[in-house]
Amino acid sequence: MPPVVKINAITVPAERGEEMAARFAARVGEVEQMDGFESFQLLRPADGRDTWLVYTRWRDEAAFEAWVSSPAFTRGHAQPQGPSGPVARHSELWGFELVASAGPEPS
């Protein structure tokens, strides 16, 4: 069974970009502990768009579903209380199966 890739496309207003990056930095290490996790990248738009991409790769769909059902996922995705509120205006989850790959794994 090929690895599974999940991409969360998150719309973030430009003025909230630094906050978005900081929130991900604050929860580094959570997903890496999950069985079946293979890689993660947070991609900030560099072409004037407002859509950030969160790329994760998993051994299989069951590993991803275990992550989504975990307490660590719930903690990491809880919306903060207070005036800053949610950073994202919208998000959409895309799913893919890895068909071809070249070069070294990204770090």
PDB file of N, CA and C in Angstrom:
ATOM      1  N   MET A   1       0.848  -1.179   0.000  1.00  0.00           N
ATOM      2  CA  MET A   1       0.000   0.000   0.000  1.00  0.00           C
ATOM      3  C   MET A   1       0.893   1.241   0.000  1.00  0.00           C
ATOM      4  N   PRO A   2       0.658   2.182  -0.916  1.00  0.00           N
ATOM      5  CA  PRO A   2       1.501   3.384  -0.984  1.00  0.00           C
ATOM      6  C   PRO A   2       1.227   4.321   0.193  1.00  0.00           C
ATOM      7  N   PRO A   3       2.238   5.138   0.535  1.00  0.00           N
ATOM      8  CA  PRO A   3       2.012   6.144   1.577  1.00  0.00           C
ATOM      9  C   PRO A   3       0.861   7.078   1.198  1.00  0.00           C
ATOM     10  N   VAL A   4       0.283   7.691   2.220  1.00  0.00           N
ATOM     11  CA  VAL A   4      -0.826   8.627   2.058  1.00  0.00           C
ATOM     12  C   VAL A   4      -0.316  10.028   2.378  1.00  0.00           C
ATOM     13  N   VAL A   5      -0.679  10.984   1.537  1.00  0.00           N
ATOM     14  CA  VAL A   5      -0.329  12.388   1.754  1.00  0.00           C
ATOM     15  C   VAL A   5      -1.607  13.154   2.054  1.00  0.00           C
ATOM     16  N   LYS A   6      -1.568  13.958   3.094  1.00  0.00           N
ATOM     17  CA  LYS A   6      -2.675  14.856   3.433  1.00  0.00           C
ATOM     18  C   LYS A   6      -2.144  16.277   3.375  1.00  0.00           C
ATOM     19  N   ILE A   7      -2.870  17.126   2.677  1.00  0.00           N
ATOM     20  CA  ILE A   7      -2.504  18.539   2.581  1.00  0.00           C
ATOM     21  C   ILE A   7      -3.680  19.350   3.086  1.00  0.00           C
ATOM     22  N   ASN A   8      -3.429  20.137   4.118  1.00  0.00           N
ATOM     23  CA  ASN A   8      -4.444  21.038   4.639  1.00  0.00           C
ATOM     24  C   ASN A   8      -4.155  22.410   4.050  1.00  0.00           C
ATOM     25  N   ALA A   9      -5.043  22.892   3.197  1.00  0.00           N
ATOM     26  CA  ALA A   9      -4.915  24.214   2.574  1.00  0.00           C
ATOM     27  C   ALA A   9      -5.654  25.202   3.472  1.00  0.00           C
ATOM     28  N   ILE A  10      -4.890  26.122   4.081  1.00  0.00           N
ATOM     29  CA  ILE A  10      -5.436  27.018   5.105  1.00  0.00           C
ATOM     30  C   ILE A  10      -5.335  28.458   4.629  1.00  0.00           C
ATOM     31  N   THR A  11      -6.465  29.154   4.572  1.00  0.00           N
ATOM     32  CA  THR A  11      -6.486  30.564   4.192  1.00  0.00           C
ATOM     33  C   THR A  11      -6.181  31.406   5.428  1.00  0.00           C
ATOM     34  N   VAL A  12      -5.100  32.185   5.338  1.00  0.00           N
ATOM     35  CA  VAL A  12      -4.636  33.005   6.462  1.00  0.00           C
ATOM     36  C   VAL A  12      -4.409  34.429   5.961  1.00  0.00           C
ATOM     37  N   PRO A  13      -5.067  35.413   6.564  1.00  0.00           N
ATOM     38  CA  PRO A  13      -4.806  36.799   6.167  1.00  0.00           C
ATOM     39  C   PRO A  13      -3.322  37.139   6.352  1.00  0.00           C
ATOM     40  N   ALA A  14      -2.760  37.930   5.463  1.00  0.00           N
ATOM     41  CA  ALA A  14      -1.332  38.265   5.503  1.00  0.00           C
ATOM     42  C   ALA A  14      -0.898  38.792   6.862  1.00  0.00           C
ATOM     43  N   GLU A  15      -1.737  39.594   7.491  1.00  0.00           N
ATOM     44  CA  GLU A  15      -1.355  40.185   8.779  1.00  0.00           C
ATOM     45  C   GLU A  15      -1.321  39.165   9.918  1.00  0.00           C
ATOM     46  N   ARG A  16      -1.809  37.950   9.686  1.00  0.00           N
ATOM     47  CA  ARG A  16      -1.805  36.895  10.716  1.00  0.00           C
ATOM     48  C   ARG A  16      -0.761  35.814  10.434  1.00  0.00           C
ATOM     49  N   GLY A  17       0.047  35.994   9.392  1.00  0.00           N
ATOM     50  CA  GLY A  17       1.025  34.982   8.999  1.00  0.00           C
ATOM     51  C   GLY A  17       2.028  34.631  10.073  1.00  0.00           C
ATOM     52  N   GLU A  18       2.584  35.628  10.732  1.00  0.00           N
ATOM     53  CA  GLU A  18       3.573  35.349  11.783  1.00  0.00           C
ATOM     54  C   GLU A  18       2.942  34.570  12.931  1.00  0.00           C
ATOM     55  N   GLU A  19       1.709  34.890  13.246  1.00  0.00           N
ATOM     56  CA  GLU A  19       1.001  34.159  14.293  1.00  0.00           C
ATOM     57  C   GLU A  19       0.775  32.708  13.883  1.00  0.00           C
ATOM     58  N   MET A  20       0.459  32.489  12.618  1.00  0.00           N
ATOM     59  CA  MET A  20       0.277  31.128  12.109  1.00  0.00           C
ATOM     60  C   MET A  20       1.565  30.326  12.299  1.00  0.00           C
ATOM     61  N   ALA A  21       2.683  30.891  11.879  1.00  0.00           N
ATOM     62  CA  ALA A  21       3.968  30.208  12.017  1.00  0.00           C
ATOM     63  C   ALA A  21       4.288  29.929  13.490  1.00  0.00           C
ATOM     64  N   ALA A  22       4.011  30.892  14.344  1.00  0.00           N
ATOM     65  CA  ALA A  22       4.293  30.725  15.777  1.00  0.00           C
ATOM     66  C   ALA A  22       3.439  29.618  16.397  1.00  0.00           C
ATOM     67  N   ARG A  23       2.191  29.527  15.986  1.00  0.00           N
ATOM     68  CA  ARG A  23       1.323  28.477  16.535  1.00  0.00           C
ATOM     69  C   ARG A  23       1.823  27.091  16.151  1.00  0.00           C
ATOM     70  N   PHE A  24       2.280  26.935  14.916  1.00  0.00           N
ATOM     71  CA  PHE A  24       2.833  25.630  14.515  1.00  0.00           C
ATOM     72  C   PHE A  24       4.130  25.346  15.256  1.00  0.00           C
ATOM     73  N   ALA A  25       4.975  26.359  15.421  1.00  0.00           N
ATOM     74  CA  ALA A  25       6.242  26.166  16.141  1.00  0.00           C
ATOM     75  C   ALA A  25       5.992  25.731  17.590  1.00  0.00           C
ATOM     76  N   ALA A  26       4.923  26.236  18.186  1.00  0.00           N
ATOM     77  CA  ALA A  26       4.622  25.914  19.580  1.00  0.00           C
ATOM     78  C   ALA A  26       4.207  24.458  19.770  1.00  0.00           C
ATOM     79  N   ARG A  27       3.753  23.810  18.710  1.00  0.00           N
ATOM     80  CA  ARG A  27       3.322  22.423  18.870  1.00  0.00           C
ATOM     81  C   ARG A  27       4.208  21.415  18.127  1.00  0.00           C
ATOM     82  N   VAL A  28       5.433  21.850  17.830  1.00  0.00           N
ATOM     83  CA  VAL A  28       6.397  20.947  17.210  1.00  0.00           C
ATOM     84  C   VAL A  28       6.579  19.724  18.103  1.00  0.00           C
ATOM     85  N   GLY A  29       6.624  18.574  17.501  1.00  0.00           N
ATOM     86  CA  GLY A  29       6.865  17.340  18.247  1.00  0.00           C
ATOM     87  C   GLY A  29       5.639  16.489  18.474  1.00  0.00           C
ATOM     88  N   GLU A  30       4.447  17.062  18.381  1.00  0.00           N
ATOM     89  CA  GLU A  30       3.225  16.292  18.635  1.00  0.00           C
ATOM     90  C   GLU A  30       3.023  15.214  17.574  1.00  0.00           C
ATOM     91  N   VAL A  31       2.984  15.596  16.324  1.00  0.00           N
ATOM     92  CA  VAL A  31       2.669  14.645  15.258  1.00  0.00           C
ATOM     93  C   VAL A  31       3.798  13.630  15.058  1.00  0.00           C
ATOM     94  N   GLU A  32       5.030  14.041  15.316  1.00  0.00           N
ATOM     95  CA  GLU A  32       6.169  13.149  15.099  1.00  0.00           C
ATOM     96  C   GLU A  32       6.128  11.897  15.973  1.00  0.00           C
ATOM     97  N   GLN A  33       5.380  11.947  17.062  1.00  0.00           N
ATOM     98  CA  GLN A  33       5.289  10.812  17.980  1.00  0.00           C
ATOM     99  C   GLN A  33       4.308   9.740  17.514  1.00  0.00           C
ATOM    100  N   MET A  34       3.529  10.035  16.495  1.00  0.00           N
ATOM    101  CA  MET A  34       2.478   9.116  16.070  1.00  0.00           C
ATOM    102  C   MET A  34       3.019   7.963  15.218  1.00  0.00           C
ATOM    103  N   ASP A  35       2.540   6.761  15.504  1.00  0.00           N
ATOM    104  CA  ASP A  35       2.880   5.596  14.704  1.00  0.00           C
ATOM    105  C   ASP A  35       2.374   5.804  13.276  1.00  0.00           C
ATOM    106  N   GLY A  36       3.229   5.572  12.311  1.00  0.00           N
ATOM    107  CA  GLY A  36       2.842   5.712  10.914  1.00  0.00           C
ATOM    108  C   GLY A  36       3.114   7.081  10.321  1.00  0.00           C
ATOM    109  N   PHE A  37       3.520   8.043  11.157  1.00  0.00           N
ATOM    110  CA  PHE A  37       3.866   9.372  10.652  1.00  0.00           C
ATOM    111  C   PHE A  37       5.195   9.282   9.897  1.00  0.00           C
ATOM    112  N   GLU A  38       5.272   9.944   8.730  1.00  0.00           N
ATOM    113  CA  GLU A  38       6.507   9.924   7.948  1.00  0.00           C
ATOM    114  C   GLU A  38       7.143  11.295   7.749  1.00  0.00           C
ATOM    115  N   SER A  39       6.351  12.330   7.478  1.00  0.00           N
ATOM    116  CA  SER A  39       6.955  13.653   7.297  1.00  0.00           C
ATOM    117  C   SER A  39       5.914  14.763   7.414  1.00  0.00           C
ATOM    118  N   PHE A  40       6.428  15.967   7.654  1.00  0.00           N
ATOM    119  CA  PHE A  40       5.606  17.170   7.831  1.00  0.00           C
ATOM    120  C   PHE A  40       6.347  18.351   7.227  1.00  0.00           C
ATOM    121  N   GLN A  41       5.627  19.231   6.563  1.00  0.00           N
ATOM    122  CA  GLN A  41       6.144  20.531   6.130  1.00  0.00           C
ATOM    123  C   GLN A  41       5.026  21.562   6.248  1.00  0.00           C
ATOM    124  N   LEU A  42       5.364  22.741   6.743  1.00  0.00           N
ATOM    125  CA  LEU A  42       4.456  23.887   6.743  1.00  0.00           C
ATOM    126  C   LEU A  42       4.967  24.827   5.661  1.00  0.00           C
ATOM    127  N   LEU A  43       4.123  25.101   4.668  1.00  0.00           N
ATOM    128  CA  LEU A  43       4.521  25.927   3.532  1.00  0.00           C
ATOM    129  C   LEU A  43       3.804  27.270   3.563  1.00  0.00           C
ATOM    130  N   ARG A  44       4.609  28.328   3.661  1.00  0.00           N
ATOM    131  CA  ARG A  44       4.080  29.698   3.649  1.00  0.00           C
ATOM    132  C   ARG A  44       4.051  30.195   2.205  1.00  0.00           C
ATOM    133  N   PRO A  45       2.959  30.822   1.784  1.00  0.00           N
ATOM    134  CA  PRO A  45       2.919  31.318   0.404  1.00  0.00           C
ATOM    135  C   PRO A  45       3.979  32.399   0.170  1.00  0.00           C
ATOM    136  N   ALA A  46       4.612  32.332  -0.985  1.00  0.00           N
ATOM    137  CA  ALA A  46       5.657  33.294  -1.334  1.00  0.00           C
ATOM    138  C   ALA A  46       5.330  34.019  -2.637  1.00  0.00           C
ATOM    139  N   ASP A  47       4.067  33.940  -3.052  1.00  0.00           N
ATOM    140  CA  ASP A  47       3.688  34.523  -4.338  1.00  0.00           C
ATOM    141  C   ASP A  47       2.461  35.426  -4.238  1.00  0.00           C
ATOM    142  N   GLY A  48       2.220  35.968  -3.039  1.00  0.00           N
ATOM    143  CA  GLY A  48       1.099  36.881  -2.868  1.00  0.00           C
ATOM    144  C   GLY A  48      -0.212  36.204  -2.508  1.00  0.00           C
ATOM    145  N   ARG A  49      -0.263  34.891  -2.501  1.00  0.00           N
ATOM    146  CA  ARG A  49      -1.485  34.188  -2.113  1.00  0.00           C
ATOM    147  C   ARG A  49      -1.651  34.230  -0.597  1.00  0.00           C
ATOM    148  N   ASP A  50      -2.825  33.827  -0.131  1.00  0.00           N
ATOM    149  CA  ASP A  50      -3.056  33.775   1.309  1.00  0.00           C
ATOM    150  C   ASP A  50      -3.332  32.350   1.783  1.00  0.00           C
ATOM    151  N   THR A  51      -2.968  31.363   0.965  1.00  0.00           N
ATOM    152  CA  THR A  51      -3.198  29.962   1.324  1.00  0.00           C
ATOM    153  C   THR A  51      -1.891  29.307   1.735  1.00  0.00           C
ATOM    154  N   TRP A  52      -1.841  28.870   2.989  1.00  0.00           N
ATOM    155  CA  TRP A  52      -0.725  28.100   3.512  1.00  0.00           C
ATOM    156  C   TRP A  52      -1.040  26.629   3.289  1.00  0.00           C
ATOM    157  N   LEU A  53      -0.011  25.808   3.122  1.00  0.00           N
ATOM    158  CA  LEU A  53      -0.202  24.374   2.969  1.00  0.00           C
ATOM    159  C   LEU A  53       0.506  23.631   4.101  1.00  0.00           C
ATOM    160  N   VAL A  54      -0.220  22.738   4.731  1.00  0.00           N
ATOM    161  CA  VAL A  54       0.348  21.853   5.739  1.00  0.00           C
ATOM    162  C   VAL A  54       0.408  20.468   5.099  1.00  0.00           C
ATOM    163  N   TYR A  55       1.621  20.008   4.829  1.00  0.00           N
ATOM    164  CA  TYR A  55       1.843  18.741   4.138  1.00  0.00           C
ATOM    165  C   TYR A  55       2.242  17.685   5.165  1.00  0.00           C
ATOM    166  N   THR A  56       1.514  16.579   5.214  1.00  0.00           N
ATOM    167  CA  THR A  56       1.927  15.445   6.040  1.00  0.00           C
ATOM    168  C   THR A  56       1.869  14.180   5.206  1.00  0.00           C
ATOM    169  N   ARG A  57       2.792  13.281   5.494  1.00  0.00           N
ATOM    170  CA  ARG A  57       2.818  11.982   4.815  1.00  0.00           C
ATOM    171  C   ARG A  57       2.738  10.891   5.872  1.00  0.00           C
ATOM    172  N   TRP A  58       1.920   9.876   5.573  1.00  0.00           N
ATOM    173  CA  TRP A  58       1.610   8.803   6.515  1.00  0.00           C
ATOM    174  C   TRP A  58       1.826   7.446   5.866  1.00  0.00           C
ATOM    175  N   ARG A  59       2.141   6.461   6.671  1.00  0.00           N
ATOM    176  CA  ARG A  59       2.311   5.095   6.188  1.00  0.00           C
ATOM    177  C   ARG A  59       1.056   4.620   5.458  1.00  0.00           C
ATOM    178  N   ASP A  60      -0.127   4.963   6.019  1.00  0.00           N
ATOM    179  CA  ASP A  60      -1.398   4.544   5.427  1.00  0.00           C
ATOM    180  C   ASP A  60      -2.529   5.395   6.008  1.00  0.00           C
ATOM    181  N   GLU A  61      -3.711   5.217   5.484  1.00  0.00           N
ATOM    182  CA  GLU A  61      -4.878   5.992   5.926  1.00  0.00           C
ATOM    183  C   GLU A  61      -5.187   5.738   7.399  1.00  0.00           C
ATOM    184  N   ALA A  62      -4.996   4.500   7.862  1.00  0.00           N
ATOM    185  CA  ALA A  62      -5.281   4.173   9.263  1.00  0.00           C
ATOM    186  C   ALA A  62      -4.383   4.972  10.207  1.00  0.00           C
ATOM    187  N   ALA A  63      -3.126   5.170   9.844  1.00  0.00           N
ATOM    188  CA  ALA A  63      -2.214   5.958  10.679  1.00  0.00           C
ATOM    189  C   ALA A  63      -2.687   7.412  10.759  1.00  0.00           C
ATOM    190  N   PHE A  64      -3.105   7.971   9.624  1.00  0.00           N
ATOM    191  CA  PHE A  64      -3.630   9.336   9.634  1.00  0.00           C
ATOM    192  C   PHE A  64      -4.885   9.429  10.499  1.00  0.00           C
ATOM    193  N   GLU A  65      -5.803   8.485  10.348  1.00  0.00           N
ATOM    194  CA  GLU A  65      -7.045   8.502  11.133  1.00  0.00           C
ATOM    195  C   GLU A  65      -6.756   8.375  12.628  1.00  0.00           C
ATOM    196  N   ALA A  66      -5.738   7.593  12.989  1.00  0.00           N
ATOM    197  CA  ALA A  66      -5.353   7.477  14.404  1.00  0.00           C
ATOM    198  C   ALA A  66      -4.871   8.828  14.929  1.00  0.00           C
ATOM    199  N   TRP A  67      -4.135   9.573  14.112  1.00  0.00           N
ATOM    200  CA  TRP A  67      -3.678  10.914  14.501  1.00  0.00           C
ATOM    201  C   TRP A  67      -4.869  11.848  14.725  1.00  0.00           C
ATOM    202  N   VAL A  68      -5.806  11.856  13.786  1.00  0.00           N
ATOM    203  CA  VAL A  68      -6.975  12.735  13.880  1.00  0.00           C
ATOM    204  C   VAL A  68      -7.818  12.401  15.116  1.00  0.00           C
ATOM    205  N   SER A  69      -7.815  11.157  15.533  1.00  0.00           N
ATOM    206  CA  SER A  69      -8.599  10.723  16.686  1.00  0.00           C
ATOM    207  C   SER A  69      -7.849  10.861  18.010  1.00  0.00           C
ATOM    208  N   SER A  70      -6.607  11.274  17.967  1.00  0.00           N
ATOM    209  CA  SER A  70      -5.762  11.297  19.169  1.00  0.00           C
ATOM    210  C   SER A  70      -5.973  12.546  20.021  1.00  0.00           C
ATOM    211  N   PRO A  71      -5.695  12.434  21.322  1.00  0.00           N
ATOM    212  CA  PRO A  71      -5.732  13.614  22.193  1.00  0.00           C
ATOM    213  C   PRO A  71      -4.734  14.690  21.759  1.00  0.00           C
ATOM    214  N   ALA A  72      -3.594  14.287  21.202  1.00  0.00           N
ATOM    215  CA  ALA A  72      -2.601  15.260  20.746  1.00  0.00           C
ATOM    216  C   ALA A  72      -3.163  16.126  19.618  1.00  0.00           C
ATOM    217  N   PHE A  73      -3.911  15.525  18.711  1.00  0.00           N
ATOM    218  CA  PHE A  73      -4.541  16.278  17.630  1.00  0.00           C
ATOM    219  C   PHE A  73      -5.550  17.273  18.204  1.00  0.00           C
ATOM    220  N   THR A  74      -6.367  16.812  19.126  1.00  0.00           N
ATOM    221  CA  THR A  74      -7.380  17.684  19.744  1.00  0.00           C
ATOM    222  C   THR A  74      -6.717  18.879  20.422  1.00  0.00           C
ATOM    223  N   ARG A  75      -5.645  18.627  21.184  1.00  0.00           N
ATOM    224  CA  ARG A  75      -4.921  19.722  21.857  1.00  0.00           C
ATOM    225  C   ARG A  75      -4.337  20.694  20.836  1.00  0.00           C
ATOM    226  N   GLY A  76      -3.705  20.161  19.801  1.00  0.00           N
ATOM    227  CA  GLY A  76      -3.027  20.998  18.814  1.00  0.00           C
ATOM    228  C   GLY A  76      -3.951  21.819  17.949  1.00  0.00           C
ATOM    229  N   HIS A  77      -5.206  21.374  17.825  1.00  0.00           N
ATOM    230  CA  HIS A  77      -6.150  22.076  16.967  1.00  0.00           C
ATOM    231  C   HIS A  77      -7.205  22.856  17.736  1.00  0.00           C
ATOM    232  N   ALA A  78      -7.059  22.935  19.045  1.00  0.00           N
ATOM    233  CA  ALA A  78      -7.998  23.720  19.846  1.00  0.00           C
ATOM    234  C   ALA A  78      -7.820  25.200  19.506  1.00  0.00           C
ATOM    235  N   GLN A  79      -8.902  25.912  19.403  1.00  0.00           N
ATOM    236  CA  GLN A  79      -8.840  27.346  19.106  1.00  0.00           C
ATOM    237  C   GLN A  79      -8.529  28.104  20.394  1.00  0.00           C
ATOM    238  N   PRO A  80      -7.546  28.996  20.347  1.00  0.00           N
ATOM    239  CA  PRO A  80      -7.197  29.755  21.550  1.00  0.00           C
ATOM    240  C   PRO A  80      -8.323  30.706  21.954  1.00  0.00           C
ATOM    241  N   GLN A  81      -8.407  30.929  23.235  1.00  0.00           N
ATOM    242  CA  GLN A  81      -9.374  31.889  23.758  1.00  0.00           C
ATOM    243  C   GLN A  81      -8.743  33.277  23.726  1.00  0.00           C
ATOM    244  N   GLY A  82      -9.553  34.281  23.695  1.00  0.00           N
ATOM    245  CA  GLY A  82      -9.040  35.636  23.745  1.00  0.00           C
ATOM    246  C   GLY A  82      -9.248  36.387  22.445  1.00  0.00           C
ATOM    247  N   PRO A  83      -8.713  37.610  22.376  1.00  0.00           N
ATOM    248  CA  PRO A  83      -8.988  38.491  21.246  1.00  0.00           C
ATOM    249  C   PRO A  83      -8.381  38.040  19.924  1.00  0.00           C
ATOM    250  N   SER A  84      -7.300  37.247  19.957  1.00  0.00           N
ATOM    251  CA  SER A  84      -6.678  36.878  18.684  1.00  0.00           C
ATOM    252  C   SER A  84      -7.524  35.874  17.905  1.00  0.00           C
ATOM    253  N   GLY A  85      -8.235  34.998  18.596  1.00  0.00           N
ATOM    254  CA  GLY A  85      -9.140  34.052  17.934  1.00  0.00           C
ATOM    255  C   GLY A  85      -8.442  33.198  16.892  1.00  0.00           C
ATOM    256  N   PRO A  86      -9.209  32.559  16.033  1.00  0.00           N
ATOM    257  CA  PRO A  86      -8.621  31.705  14.995  1.00  0.00           C
ATOM    258  C   PRO A  86      -7.774  32.518  14.015  1.00  0.00           C
ATOM    259  N   VAL A  87      -6.669  31.945  13.579  1.00  0.00           N
ATOM    260  CA  VAL A  87      -5.803  32.585  12.589  1.00  0.00           C
ATOM    261  C   VAL A  87      -6.376  32.376  11.189  1.00  0.00           C
ATOM    262  N   ALA A  88      -6.922  31.191  10.957  1.00  0.00           N
ATOM    263  CA  ALA A  88      -7.401  30.841   9.619  1.00  0.00           C
ATOM    264  C   ALA A  88      -8.826  31.324   9.389  1.00  0.00           C
ATOM    265  N   ARG A  89      -9.099  31.702   8.144  1.00  0.00           N
ATOM    266  CA  ARG A  89     -10.463  32.033   7.729  1.00  0.00           C
ATOM    267  C   ARG A  89     -11.169  30.818   7.159  1.00  0.00           C
ATOM    268  N   HIS A  90     -10.383  29.878   6.618  1.00  0.00           N
ATOM    269  CA  HIS A  90     -10.955  28.698   5.952  1.00  0.00           C
ATOM    270  C   HIS A  90      -9.861  27.642   5.852  1.00  0.00           C
ATOM    271  N   SER A  91     -10.255  26.378   5.887  1.00  0.00           N
ATOM    272  CA  SER A  91      -9.300  25.312   5.591  1.00  0.00           C
ATOM    273  C   SER A  91     -10.009  24.190   4.850  1.00  0.00           C
ATOM    274  N   GLU A  92      -9.218  23.473   4.078  1.00  0.00           N
ATOM    275  CA  GLU A  92      -9.742  22.383   3.264  1.00  0.00           C
ATOM    276  C   GLU A  92      -8.691  21.273   3.268  1.00  0.00           C
ATOM    277  N   LEU A  93      -9.115  20.034   3.570  1.00  0.00           N
ATOM    278  CA  LEU A  93      -8.194  18.909   3.608  1.00  0.00           C
ATOM    279  C   LEU A  93      -8.224  18.166   2.275  1.00  0.00           C
ATOM    280  N   TRP A  94      -7.042  17.977   1.693  1.00  0.00           N
ATOM    281  CA  TRP A  94      -6.893  17.237   0.455  1.00  0.00           C
ATOM    282  C   TRP A  94      -6.162  15.940   0.762  1.00  0.00           C
ATOM    283  N   GLY A  95      -6.536  14.841   0.109  1.00  0.00           N
ATOM    284  CA  GLY A  95      -5.875  13.556   0.327  1.00  0.00           C
ATOM    285  C   GLY A  95      -5.334  12.989  -0.973  1.00  0.00           C
ATOM    286  N   PHE A  96      -4.141  12.388  -0.898  1.00  0.00           N
ATOM    287  CA  PHE A  96      -3.473  11.831  -2.062  1.00  0.00           C
ATOM    288  C   PHE A  96      -2.787  10.524  -1.695  1.00  0.00           C
ATOM    289  N   GLU A  97      -2.563   9.667  -2.686  1.00  0.00           N
ATOM    290  CA  GLU A  97      -1.682   8.517  -2.549  1.00  0.00           C
ATOM    291  C   GLU A  97      -0.412   8.835  -3.316  1.00  0.00           C
ATOM    292  N   LEU A  98       0.739   8.492  -2.740  1.00  0.00           N
ATOM    293  CA  LEU A  98       2.022   8.726  -3.403  1.00  0.00           C
ATOM    294  C   LEU A  98       2.167   7.748  -4.564  1.00  0.00           C
ATOM    295  N   VAL A  99       2.369   8.280  -5.763  1.00  0.00           N
ATOM    296  CA  VAL A  99       2.488   7.457  -6.963  1.00  0.00           C
ATOM    297  C   VAL A  99       3.927   7.424  -7.452  1.00  0.00           C
ATOM    298  N   ALA A 100       4.624   8.546  -7.391  1.00  0.00           N
ATOM    299  CA  ALA A 100       6.016   8.620  -7.834  1.00  0.00           C
ATOM    300  C   ALA A 100       6.737   9.648  -6.987  1.00  0.00           C
ATOM    301  N   SER A 101       8.041   9.444  -6.824  1.00  0.00           N
ATOM    302  CA  SER A 101       8.850  10.353  -6.029  1.00  0.00           C
ATOM    303  C   SER A 101      10.282  10.292  -6.540  1.00  0.00           C
ATOM    304  N   ALA A 102      11.035  11.381  -6.391  1.00  0.00           N
ATOM    305  CA  ALA A 102      12.433  11.421  -6.790  1.00  0.00           C
ATOM    306  C   ALA A 102      13.204  12.268  -5.796  1.00  0.00           C
ATOM    307  N   GLY A 103      14.480  12.033  -5.702  1.00  0.00           N
ATOM    308  CA  GLY A 103      15.333  12.840  -4.845  1.00  0.00           C
ATOM    309  C   GLY A 103      15.246  12.430  -3.385  1.00  0.00           C
ATOM    310  N   PRO A 104      16.071  13.076  -2.557  1.00  0.00           N
ATOM    311  CA  PRO A 104      16.063  12.766  -1.125  1.00  0.00           C
ATOM    312  C   PRO A 104      14.784  13.261  -0.473  1.00  0.00           C
ATOM    313  N   GLU A 105      14.447  12.648   0.625  1.00  0.00           N
ATOM    314  CA  GLU A 105      13.284  13.092   1.395  1.00  0.00           C
ATOM    315  C   GLU A 105      13.537  14.485   1.931  1.00  0.00           C
ATOM    316  N   PRO A 106      12.549  15.381   1.889  1.00  0.00           N
ATOM    317  CA  PRO A 106      12.740  16.715   2.471  1.00  0.00           C
ATOM    318  C   PRO A 106      12.891  16.620   3.990  1.00  0.00           C
ATOM    319  N   SER A 107      13.645  17.533   4.542  1.00  0.00           N
ATOM    320  CA  SER A 107      13.829  17.523   6.000  1.00  0.00           C
ATOM    321  C   SER A 107      13.057  18.640   6.643  1.00  0.00           C
TER     322      SER A 107
END
